[in-house]
């Protein structure tokens, strides 16, 4: 009779240590697919953030989904926004203060300029009165300029652009006064009436008025040592009359030379108000 074989051998246990790296590999693959999906469904900023998260996961061991390392929480974003808004408000307040300061400085400069032009006008008016030129010269100060209007018969013979010898003293006196007020832009404009002119020297009133302006300007520059870059002549001919050309009196007013000292600091708001009211 055969003996029953007793199986005492222990069953071999399977080594399951490979499951640990396998699980880690699956986790990393899952993370990879999540990143790839995020790359295809997010904007450039989120892509950069996920890229940083992925880099940290492989290089430093921080979990890919642990966004606290690279993605700001709503509280952090709110805090940053508040800080940014506060900085922006400070910048706006600084700019506003600088703007107000600039306005104050401009106002002071306008007041100083007003005083200078009023003083120059008084000097001109006194000269006109002392020399009996009230019918030939006139000054006018407005929001944009100080204008000196000179009748053409005080300066030129009819049809001529040469300044009369006894009128040169007038040009010299004006140039001497302007010498004390440097830095202003000055225009010299010549005007005629509407009677046409056609001589060997001047083919039109344009040329006559322009030549008169140039000749008068030359004396101002040489006497007052004015900056040529700031003074310019213009001839308007008969196209900017200040009175009717139907009467001799009106035509006499239209024949003139205007010397304008242009303001450097113009109050635009007041200028608009004056223009609207006029």
C-alpha atoms as a PDB file:
ATOM      1  CA  UNK A   1       0.000   0.000   0.000  1.00  0.00           C
ATOM      2  CA  UNK A   2       1.482   3.262  -1.109  1.00  0.00           C
ATOM      3  CA  UNK A   3       1.973   6.088   1.278  1.00  0.00           C
ATOM      4  CA  UNK A   4       0.031   9.215   0.729  1.00  0.00           C
ATOM      5  CA  UNK A   5       2.436  11.949  -0.247  1.00  0.00           C
ATOM      6  CA  UNK A   6       2.100  14.878   2.096  1.00  0.00           C
ATOM      7  CA  UNK A   7       2.740  18.156   0.285  1.00  0.00           C
ATOM      8  CA  UNK A   8       4.547  20.275   2.796  1.00  0.00           C
ATOM      9  CA  UNK A   9       6.174  22.588   0.312  1.00  0.00           C
ATOM     10  CA  UNK A  10       5.213  26.219   0.795  1.00  0.00           C
ATOM     11  CA  UNK A  11       3.741  27.996  -2.202  1.00  0.00           C
ATOM     12  CA  UNK A  12       6.079  30.524  -3.684  1.00  0.00           C
ATOM     13  CA  UNK A  13       5.042  34.123  -3.088  1.00  0.00           C
ATOM     14  CA  UNK A  14       5.172  36.371  -6.165  1.00  0.00           C
ATOM     15  CA  UNK A  15       7.446  39.409  -5.788  1.00  0.00           C
ATOM     16  CA  UNK A  16       5.134  42.465  -6.105  1.00  0.00           C
ATOM     17  CA  UNK A  17       7.753  45.165  -5.607  1.00  0.00           C
ATOM     18  CA  UNK A  18       7.482  46.086  -9.307  1.00  0.00           C
ATOM     19  CA  UNK A  19       4.053  47.519  -8.676  1.00  0.00           C
ATOM     20  CA  UNK A  20       5.466  50.581  -6.940  1.00  0.00           C
ATOM     21  CA  UNK A  21       7.462  51.953  -9.897  1.00  0.00           C
ATOM     22  CA  UNK A  22       4.653  50.827 -12.185  1.00  0.00           C
ATOM     23  CA  UNK A  23       2.161  52.912 -10.210  1.00  0.00           C
ATOM     24  CA  UNK A  24       4.525  55.846 -10.257  1.00  0.00           C
ATOM     25  CA  UNK A  25       4.853  55.481 -14.015  1.00  0.00           C
ATOM     26  CA  UNK A  26       1.093  55.431 -14.446  1.00  0.00           C
ATOM     27  CA  UNK A  27       0.805  58.523 -12.265  1.00  0.00           C
ATOM     28  CA  UNK A  28       3.352  60.355 -14.369  1.00  0.00           C
ATOM     29  CA  UNK A  29       1.617  59.257 -17.574  1.00  0.00           C
ATOM     30  CA  UNK A  30      -1.665  60.501 -16.179  1.00  0.00           C
ATOM     31  CA  UNK A  31      -0.033  63.789 -15.325  1.00  0.00           C
ATOM     32  CA  UNK A  32       1.446  63.966 -18.825  1.00  0.00           C
ATOM     33  CA  UNK A  33      -1.936  63.478 -20.470  1.00  0.00           C
ATOM     34  CA  UNK A  34      -3.461  66.067 -18.198  1.00  0.00           C
ATOM     35  CA  UNK A  35      -0.752  68.524 -19.195  1.00  0.00           C
ATOM     36  CA  UNK A  36      -1.204  67.716 -22.882  1.00  0.00           C
ATOM     37  CA  UNK A  37      -4.934  68.242 -22.566  1.00  0.00           C
ATOM     38  CA  UNK A  38      -4.389  71.518 -20.749  1.00  0.00           C
ATOM     39  CA  UNK A  39      -1.992  72.615 -23.491  1.00  0.00           C
ATOM     40  CA  UNK A  40      -4.660  72.111 -26.115  1.00  0.00           C
ATOM     41  CA  UNK A  41      -7.442  73.834 -24.168  1.00  0.00           C
ATOM     42  CA  UNK A  42      -5.819  76.847 -22.495  1.00  0.00           C
ATOM     43  CA  UNK A  43      -4.228  80.102 -23.444  1.00  0.00           C
ATOM     44  CA  UNK A  44      -0.551  80.970 -23.564  1.00  0.00           C
ATOM     45  CA  UNK A  45      -0.436  82.171 -19.989  1.00  0.00           C
ATOM     46  CA  UNK A  46      -1.967  78.960 -18.612  1.00  0.00           C
ATOM     47  CA  UNK A  47       0.331  76.934 -20.834  1.00  0.00           C
ATOM     48  CA  UNK A  48       3.325  78.646 -19.318  1.00  0.00           C
ATOM     49  CA  UNK A  49       2.030  77.992 -15.821  1.00  0.00           C
ATOM     50  CA  UNK A  50       1.386  74.305 -16.587  1.00  0.00           C
ATOM     51  CA  UNK A  51       4.828  74.040 -18.168  1.00  0.00           C
ATOM     52  CA  UNK A  52       6.379  75.368 -14.986  1.00  0.00           C
ATOM     53  CA  UNK A  53       4.323  72.919 -12.948  1.00  0.00           C
ATOM     54  CA  UNK A  54       5.399  70.035 -15.143  1.00  0.00           C
ATOM     55  CA  UNK A  55       9.050  71.077 -14.869  1.00  0.00           C
ATOM     56  CA  UNK A  56       8.798  71.288 -11.075  1.00  0.00           C
ATOM     57  CA  UNK A  57       7.154  67.851 -10.921  1.00  0.00           C
ATOM     58  CA  UNK A  58      10.062  66.150 -12.646  1.00  0.00           C
ATOM     59  CA  UNK A  59      12.891  68.248 -11.266  1.00  0.00           C
ATOM     60  CA  UNK A  60      11.943  68.867  -7.671  1.00  0.00           C
ATOM     61  CA  UNK A  61       9.353  66.222  -6.884  1.00  0.00           C
ATOM     62  CA  UNK A  62       6.486  68.640  -6.286  1.00  0.00           C
ATOM     63  CA  UNK A  63       3.185  67.242  -7.527  1.00  0.00           C
ATOM     64  CA  UNK A  64       2.022  68.441 -10.900  1.00  0.00           C
ATOM     65  CA  UNK A  65      -1.421  69.213  -9.615  1.00  0.00           C
ATOM     66  CA  UNK A  66      -0.093  71.126  -6.649  1.00  0.00           C
ATOM     67  CA  UNK A  67      -0.757  74.487  -8.295  1.00  0.00           C
ATOM     68  CA  UNK A  68       0.056  76.472  -5.217  1.00  0.00           C
ATOM     69  CA  UNK A  69       3.685  76.459  -6.285  1.00  0.00           C
ATOM     70  CA  UNK A  70       3.087  78.156  -9.627  1.00  0.00           C
ATOM     71  CA  UNK A  71      -0.518  79.303  -9.889  1.00  0.00           C
ATOM     72  CA  UNK A  72      -1.793  82.182  -7.838  1.00  0.00           C
ATOM     73  CA  UNK A  73      -4.829  81.523  -5.726  1.00  0.00           C
ATOM     74  CA  UNK A  74      -7.853  83.824  -6.023  1.00  0.00           C
ATOM     75  CA  UNK A  75      -6.843  85.472  -2.774  1.00  0.00           C
ATOM     76  CA  UNK A  76      -3.365  86.124  -4.132  1.00  0.00           C
ATOM     77  CA  UNK A  77      -4.744  87.486  -7.399  1.00  0.00           C
ATOM     78  CA  UNK A  78      -7.100  89.773  -5.523  1.00  0.00           C
ATOM     79  CA  UNK A  79      -4.267  90.999  -3.359  1.00  0.00           C
ATOM     80  CA  UNK A  80      -2.125  91.696  -6.407  1.00  0.00           C
ATOM     81  CA  UNK A  81      -4.995  93.542  -8.101  1.00  0.00           C
ATOM     82  CA  UNK A  82      -5.530  95.663  -5.016  1.00  0.00           C
ATOM     83  CA  UNK A  83      -1.848  96.489  -4.838  1.00  0.00           C
ATOM     84  CA  UNK A  84      -1.773  97.337  -8.537  1.00  0.00           C
ATOM     85  CA  UNK A  85      -4.852  99.548  -8.249  1.00  0.00           C
ATOM     86  CA  UNK A  86      -3.320 101.338  -5.277  1.00  0.00           C
ATOM     87  CA  UNK A  87      -0.112 101.933  -7.231  1.00  0.00           C
ATOM     88  CA  UNK A  88      -2.115 103.181 -10.216  1.00  0.00           C
ATOM     89  CA  UNK A  89      -4.077 105.564  -7.995  1.00  0.00           C
ATOM     90  CA  UNK A  90      -0.851 106.947  -6.539  1.00  0.00           C
ATOM     91  CA  UNK A  91       0.546 107.434 -10.042  1.00  0.00           C
ATOM     92  CA  UNK A  92      -2.642 109.188 -11.163  1.00  0.00           C
ATOM     93  CA  UNK A  93      -2.556 111.467  -8.135  1.00  0.00           C
ATOM     94  CA  UNK A  94       1.091 112.289  -8.819  1.00  0.00           C
ATOM     95  CA  UNK A  95       0.337 113.052 -12.462  1.00  0.00           C
ATOM     96  CA  UNK A  96      -2.626 115.187 -11.452  1.00  0.00           C
ATOM     97  CA  UNK A  97      -0.482 117.124  -8.997  1.00  0.00           C
ATOM     98  CA  UNK A  98       2.154 117.637 -11.672  1.00  0.00           C
ATOM     99  CA  UNK A  99      -0.534 118.778 -14.092  1.00  0.00           C
ATOM    100  CA  UNK A 100      -1.939 121.235 -11.560  1.00  0.00           C
ATOM    101  CA  UNK A 101       1.560 122.523 -10.898  1.00  0.00           C
ATOM    102  CA  UNK A 102       2.098 123.003 -14.611  1.00  0.00           C
ATOM    103  CA  UNK A 103      -1.150 124.942 -14.906  1.00  0.00           C
ATOM    104  CA  UNK A 104      -0.104 127.174 -12.032  1.00  0.00           C
ATOM    105  CA  UNK A 105       3.262 127.802 -13.657  1.00  0.00           C
ATOM    106  CA  UNK A 106       1.616 128.557 -16.984  1.00  0.00           C
ATOM    107  CA  UNK A 107      -0.764 130.955 -15.292  1.00  0.00           C
ATOM    108  CA  UNK A 108       2.168 132.805 -13.748  1.00  0.00           C
ATOM    109  CA  UNK A 109       3.899 132.953 -17.123  1.00  0.00           C
ATOM    110  CA  UNK A 110       0.721 134.280 -18.755  1.00  0.00           C
ATOM    111  CA  UNK A 111       0.415 136.963 -16.084  1.00  0.00           C
ATOM    112  CA  UNK A 112       4.044 137.966 -16.572  1.00  0.00           C
ATOM    113  CA  UNK A 113       3.592 138.057 -20.336  1.00  0.00           C
ATOM    114  CA  UNK A 114       0.436 140.161 -19.960  1.00  0.00           C
ATOM    115  CA  UNK A 115       2.376 142.674 -17.884  1.00  0.00           C
ATOM    116  CA  UNK A 116       5.162 142.802 -20.479  1.00  0.00           C
ATOM    117  CA  UNK A 117       2.796 143.355 -23.403  1.00  0.00           C
ATOM    118  CA  UNK A 118       0.800 145.978 -21.499  1.00  0.00           C
ATOM    119  CA  UNK A 119       4.043 147.798 -20.722  1.00  0.00           C
ATOM    120  CA  UNK A 120       5.095 147.645 -24.376  1.00  0.00           C
ATOM    121  CA  UNK A 121       1.682 148.931 -25.478  1.00  0.00           C
ATOM    122  CA  UNK A 122       1.971 151.859 -23.062  1.00  0.00           C
ATOM    123  CA  UNK A 123       5.385 152.723 -24.479  1.00  0.00           C
ATOM    124  CA  UNK A 124       4.032 152.600 -28.020  1.00  0.00           C
ATOM    125  CA  UNK A 125       0.952 154.653 -27.165  1.00  0.00           C
ATOM    126  CA  UNK A 126       3.110 157.250 -25.441  1.00  0.00           C
ATOM    127  CA  UNK A 127       5.378 157.455 -28.496  1.00  0.00           C
ATOM    128  CA  UNK A 128       2.356 157.819 -30.792  1.00  0.00           C
ATOM    129  CA  UNK A 129       0.892 160.604 -28.645  1.00  0.00           C
ATOM    130  CA  UNK A 130       4.170 162.509 -28.268  1.00  0.00           C
ATOM    131  CA  UNK A 131       4.801 162.456 -32.027  1.00  0.00           C
ATOM    132  CA  UNK A 132       1.266 163.277 -33.097  1.00  0.00           C
ATOM    133  CA  UNK A 133       0.734 159.956 -34.885  1.00  0.00           C
ATOM    134  CA  UNK A 134      -2.687 159.073 -33.474  1.00  0.00           C
ATOM    135  CA  UNK A 135      -4.271 159.159 -36.931  1.00  0.00           C
ATOM    136  CA  UNK A 136      -1.565 156.995 -38.479  1.00  0.00           C
ATOM    137  CA  UNK A 137      -0.761 154.409 -35.805  1.00  0.00           C
ATOM    138  CA  UNK A 138      -2.920 152.251 -33.591  1.00  0.00           C
ATOM    139  CA  UNK A 139      -2.161 149.519 -31.041  1.00  0.00           C
ATOM    140  CA  UNK A 140      -4.453 146.699 -29.969  1.00  0.00           C
ATOM    141  CA  UNK A 141      -3.819 144.020 -27.352  1.00  0.00           C
ATOM    142  CA  UNK A 142      -6.001 140.899 -27.394  1.00  0.00           C
ATOM    143  CA  UNK A 143      -5.892 137.262 -26.325  1.00  0.00           C
ATOM    144  CA  UNK A 144      -3.440 136.246 -29.037  1.00  0.00           C
ATOM    145  CA  UNK A 145      -1.184 139.205 -29.819  1.00  0.00           C
ATOM    146  CA  UNK A 146      -0.214 142.840 -29.550  1.00  0.00           C
ATOM    147  CA  UNK A 147      -0.807 144.386 -32.952  1.00  0.00           C
ATOM    148  CA  UNK A 148       0.636 147.678 -34.207  1.00  0.00           C
ATOM    149  CA  UNK A 149      -1.249 148.977 -37.235  1.00  0.00           C
ATOM    150  CA  UNK A 150       0.524 151.614 -39.321  1.00  0.00           C
ATOM    151  CA  UNK A 151      -1.143 153.499 -42.132  1.00  0.00           C
ATOM    152  CA  UNK A 152       0.703 153.105 -45.417  1.00  0.00           C
ATOM    153  CA  UNK A 153       0.885 156.879 -46.051  1.00  0.00           C
ATOM    154  CA  UNK A 154       2.954 157.172 -42.886  1.00  0.00           C
ATOM    155  CA  UNK A 155       5.581 154.897 -44.419  1.00  0.00           C
ATOM    156  CA  UNK A 156       5.377 154.805 -48.225  1.00  0.00           C
ATOM    157  CA  UNK A 157       4.582 156.896 -51.218  1.00  0.00           C
ATOM    158  CA  UNK A 158       1.765 155.679 -53.431  1.00  0.00           C
ATOM    159  CA  UNK A 159       2.740 152.584 -55.405  1.00  0.00           C
ATOM    160  CA  UNK A 160       6.166 152.412 -53.717  1.00  0.00           C
ATOM    161  CA  UNK A 161       7.695 149.973 -51.227  1.00  0.00           C
ATOM    162  CA  UNK A 162      10.581 152.227 -50.218  1.00  0.00           C
ATOM    163  CA  UNK A 163      10.161 153.594 -46.711  1.00  0.00           C
ATOM    164  CA  UNK A 164      10.101 157.390 -46.583  1.00  0.00           C
ATOM    165  CA  UNK A 165      13.186 158.957 -45.071  1.00  0.00           C
ATOM    166  CA  UNK A 166      11.175 160.710 -42.372  1.00  0.00           C
ATOM    167  CA  UNK A 167       9.336 157.445 -41.595  1.00  0.00           C
ATOM    168  CA  UNK A 168      12.476 155.455 -40.884  1.00  0.00           C
ATOM    169  CA  UNK A 169      12.618 157.022 -37.429  1.00  0.00           C
ATOM    170  CA  UNK A 170       9.274 155.379 -36.688  1.00  0.00           C
ATOM    171  CA  UNK A 171      10.542 151.944 -37.692  1.00  0.00           C
ATOM    172  CA  UNK A 172      13.723 152.514 -35.691  1.00  0.00           C
ATOM    173  CA  UNK A 173      11.756 153.522 -32.602  1.00  0.00           C
ATOM    174  CA  UNK A 174       9.535 150.434 -32.784  1.00  0.00           C
ATOM    175  CA  UNK A 175      12.566 148.197 -33.275  1.00  0.00           C
ATOM    176  CA  UNK A 176      14.271 149.805 -30.270  1.00  0.00           C
ATOM    177  CA  UNK A 177      11.228 149.103 -28.091  1.00  0.00           C
ATOM    178  CA  UNK A 178      10.992 145.484 -29.273  1.00  0.00           C
ATOM    179  CA  UNK A 179      14.640 145.007 -28.372  1.00  0.00           C
ATOM    180  CA  UNK A 180      13.678 144.974 -24.685  1.00  0.00           C
ATOM    181  CA  UNK A 181      11.221 142.094 -25.247  1.00  0.00           C
ATOM    182  CA  UNK A 182      13.207 139.248 -26.818  1.00  0.00           C
ATOM    183  CA  UNK A 183      11.888 135.781 -27.512  1.00  0.00           C
ATOM    184  CA  UNK A 184       8.576 136.796 -29.029  1.00  0.00           C
ATOM    185  CA  UNK A 185       7.525 135.667 -32.494  1.00  0.00           C
ATOM    186  CA  UNK A 186       6.792 138.694 -34.676  1.00  0.00           C
ATOM    187  CA  UNK A 187       4.958 138.918 -37.974  1.00  0.00           C
ATOM    188  CA  UNK A 188       4.991 141.881 -40.361  1.00  0.00           C
ATOM    189  CA  UNK A 189       2.059 141.896 -42.767  1.00  0.00           C
ATOM    190  CA  UNK A 190       1.559 144.232 -45.728  1.00  0.00           C
ATOM    191  CA  UNK A 191      -1.943 145.118 -47.019  1.00  0.00           C
ATOM    192  CA  UNK A 192      -3.233 147.186 -49.928  1.00  0.00           C
ATOM    193  CA  UNK A 193      -6.614 148.357 -51.206  1.00  0.00           C
ATOM    194  CA  UNK A 194      -8.303 146.679 -54.156  1.00  0.00           C
ATOM    195  CA  UNK A 195      -7.031 149.040 -56.827  1.00  0.00           C
ATOM    196  CA  UNK A 196      -4.887 146.927 -59.149  1.00  0.00           C
ATOM    197  CA  UNK A 197      -1.241 147.790 -59.724  1.00  0.00           C
ATOM    198  CA  UNK A 198       0.886 146.740 -62.668  1.00  0.00           C
ATOM    199  CA  UNK A 199       4.257 148.453 -62.906  1.00  0.00           C
ATOM    200  CA  UNK A 200       7.730 147.415 -63.992  1.00  0.00           C
ATOM    201  CA  UNK A 201       8.530 146.812 -60.290  1.00  0.00           C
ATOM    202  CA  UNK A 202       5.293 145.258 -59.019  1.00  0.00           C
ATOM    203  CA  UNK A 203       3.048 143.088 -61.134  1.00  0.00           C
ATOM    204  CA  UNK A 204       0.339 142.856 -58.464  1.00  0.00           C
ATOM    205  CA  UNK A 205      -0.738 144.077 -55.045  1.00  0.00           C
ATOM    206  CA  UNK A 206       0.641 140.838 -53.610  1.00  0.00           C
ATOM    207  CA  UNK A 207       4.158 141.783 -54.596  1.00  0.00           C
ATOM    208  CA  UNK A 208       3.752 145.376 -53.434  1.00  0.00           C
ATOM    209  CA  UNK A 209       2.412 144.386 -50.005  1.00  0.00           C
ATOM    210  CA  UNK A 210       5.061 141.695 -49.550  1.00  0.00           C
ATOM    211  CA  UNK A 211       7.921 144.049 -50.459  1.00  0.00           C
ATOM    212  CA  UNK A 212       6.629 146.690 -48.047  1.00  0.00           C
ATOM    213  CA  UNK A 213       6.503 144.118 -45.248  1.00  0.00           C
ATOM    214  CA  UNK A 214      10.045 142.953 -46.020  1.00  0.00           C
ATOM    215  CA  UNK A 215      11.471 146.484 -46.060  1.00  0.00           C
ATOM    216  CA  UNK A 216       9.852 147.395 -42.749  1.00  0.00           C
ATOM    217  CA  UNK A 217      10.954 144.099 -41.212  1.00  0.00           C
ATOM    218  CA  UNK A 218      14.555 144.705 -42.247  1.00  0.00           C
ATOM    219  CA  UNK A 219      14.690 147.914 -40.208  1.00  0.00           C
ATOM    220  CA  UNK A 220      13.155 146.201 -37.184  1.00  0.00           C
ATOM    221  CA  UNK A 221      15.764 143.419 -37.324  1.00  0.00           C
ATOM    222  CA  UNK A 222      18.746 145.713 -37.786  1.00  0.00           C
ATOM    223  CA  UNK A 223      17.637 148.200 -35.121  1.00  0.00           C
ATOM    224  CA  UNK A 224      16.251 145.853 -32.494  1.00  0.00           C
ATOM    225  CA  UNK A 225      18.732 143.068 -33.196  1.00  0.00           C
ATOM    226  CA  UNK A 226      15.768 140.714 -33.369  1.00  0.00           C
ATOM    227  CA  UNK A 227      16.205 137.001 -33.994  1.00  0.00           C
ATOM    228  CA  UNK A 228      15.521 136.448 -37.724  1.00  0.00           C
ATOM    229  CA  UNK A 229      14.115 133.013 -36.898  1.00  0.00           C
ATOM    230  CA  UNK A 230      11.302 134.641 -34.908  1.00  0.00           C
ATOM    231  CA  UNK A 231      10.223 137.326 -37.388  1.00  0.00           C
ATOM    232  CA  UNK A 232       8.562 136.797 -40.745  1.00  0.00           C
ATOM    233  CA  UNK A 233       7.055 139.039 -43.482  1.00  0.00           C
ATOM    234  CA  UNK A 234       3.794 138.364 -45.301  1.00  0.00           C
ATOM    235  CA  UNK A 235       2.031 140.111 -48.159  1.00  0.00           C
ATOM    236  CA  UNK A 236      -1.761 139.795 -48.322  1.00  0.00           C
ATOM    237  CA  UNK A 237      -2.449 142.301 -51.058  1.00  0.00           C
ATOM    238  CA  UNK A 238      -6.089 143.462 -51.042  1.00  0.00           C
ATOM    239  CA  UNK A 239      -7.497 140.182 -49.701  1.00  0.00           C
ATOM    240  CA  UNK A 240      -7.759 141.037 -45.990  1.00  0.00           C
ATOM    241  CA  UNK A 241      -9.510 144.407 -45.836  1.00  0.00           C
ATOM    242  CA  UNK A 242     -10.639 145.917 -42.534  1.00  0.00           C
ATOM    243  CA  UNK A 243     -13.004 148.384 -44.181  1.00  0.00           C
ATOM    244  CA  UNK A 244     -14.938 148.796 -47.398  1.00  0.00           C
ATOM    245  CA  UNK A 245     -13.011 149.515 -50.582  1.00  0.00           C
ATOM    246  CA  UNK A 246     -15.971 151.452 -51.984  1.00  0.00           C
ATOM    247  CA  UNK A 247     -14.876 154.703 -50.320  1.00  0.00           C
ATOM    248  CA  UNK A 248     -11.572 156.532 -50.266  1.00  0.00           C
ATOM    249  CA  UNK A 249     -11.622 156.533 -46.473  1.00  0.00           C
ATOM    250  CA  UNK A 250     -12.117 152.773 -46.386  1.00  0.00           C
ATOM    251  CA  UNK A 251      -9.368 152.162 -48.932  1.00  0.00           C
ATOM    252  CA  UNK A 252      -7.001 154.326 -46.871  1.00  0.00           C
ATOM    253  CA  UNK A 253      -7.636 152.109 -43.840  1.00  0.00           C
ATOM    254  CA  UNK A 254      -6.989 148.976 -45.857  1.00  0.00           C
ATOM    255  CA  UNK A 255      -3.584 150.217 -47.008  1.00  0.00           C
ATOM    256  CA  UNK A 256      -1.533 149.393 -43.956  1.00  0.00           C
ATOM    257  CA  UNK A 257       1.332 147.472 -42.338  1.00  0.00           C
ATOM    258  CA  UNK A 258       0.611 145.329 -39.280  1.00  0.00           C
ATOM    259  CA  UNK A 259       3.339 144.359 -36.823  1.00  0.00           C
ATOM    260  CA  UNK A 260       2.092 141.593 -34.522  1.00  0.00           C
ATOM    261  CA  UNK A 261       3.889 140.438 -31.355  1.00  0.00           C
ATOM    262  CA  UNK A 262       2.514 136.946 -30.808  1.00  0.00           C
ATOM    263  CA  UNK A 263       1.807 135.697 -27.310  1.00  0.00           C
ATOM    264  CA  UNK A 264       3.818 132.687 -26.169  1.00  0.00           C
ATOM    265  CA  UNK A 265       1.332 131.609 -23.491  1.00  0.00           C
ATOM    266  CA  UNK A 266      -2.264 131.605 -24.674  1.00  0.00           C
ATOM    267  CA  UNK A 267      -5.164 130.837 -22.345  1.00  0.00           C
ATOM    268  CA  UNK A 268      -7.169 128.615 -24.673  1.00  0.00           C
ATOM    269  CA  UNK A 269     -10.234 128.450 -22.408  1.00  0.00           C
ATOM    270  CA  UNK A 270     -10.540 132.236 -22.164  1.00  0.00           C
ATOM    271  CA  UNK A 271      -9.829 132.576 -25.880  1.00  0.00           C
ATOM    272  CA  UNK A 272     -12.730 130.256 -26.677  1.00  0.00           C
ATOM    273  CA  UNK A 273     -14.994 132.169 -24.303  1.00  0.00           C
ATOM    274  CA  UNK A 274     -14.081 135.483 -25.913  1.00  0.00           C
ATOM    275  CA  UNK A 275     -14.588 134.065 -29.402  1.00  0.00           C
ATOM    276  CA  UNK A 276     -17.976 132.614 -28.451  1.00  0.00           C
ATOM    277  CA  UNK A 277     -19.131 135.887 -26.938  1.00  0.00           C
ATOM    278  CA  UNK A 278     -17.966 138.099 -29.782  1.00  0.00           C
END
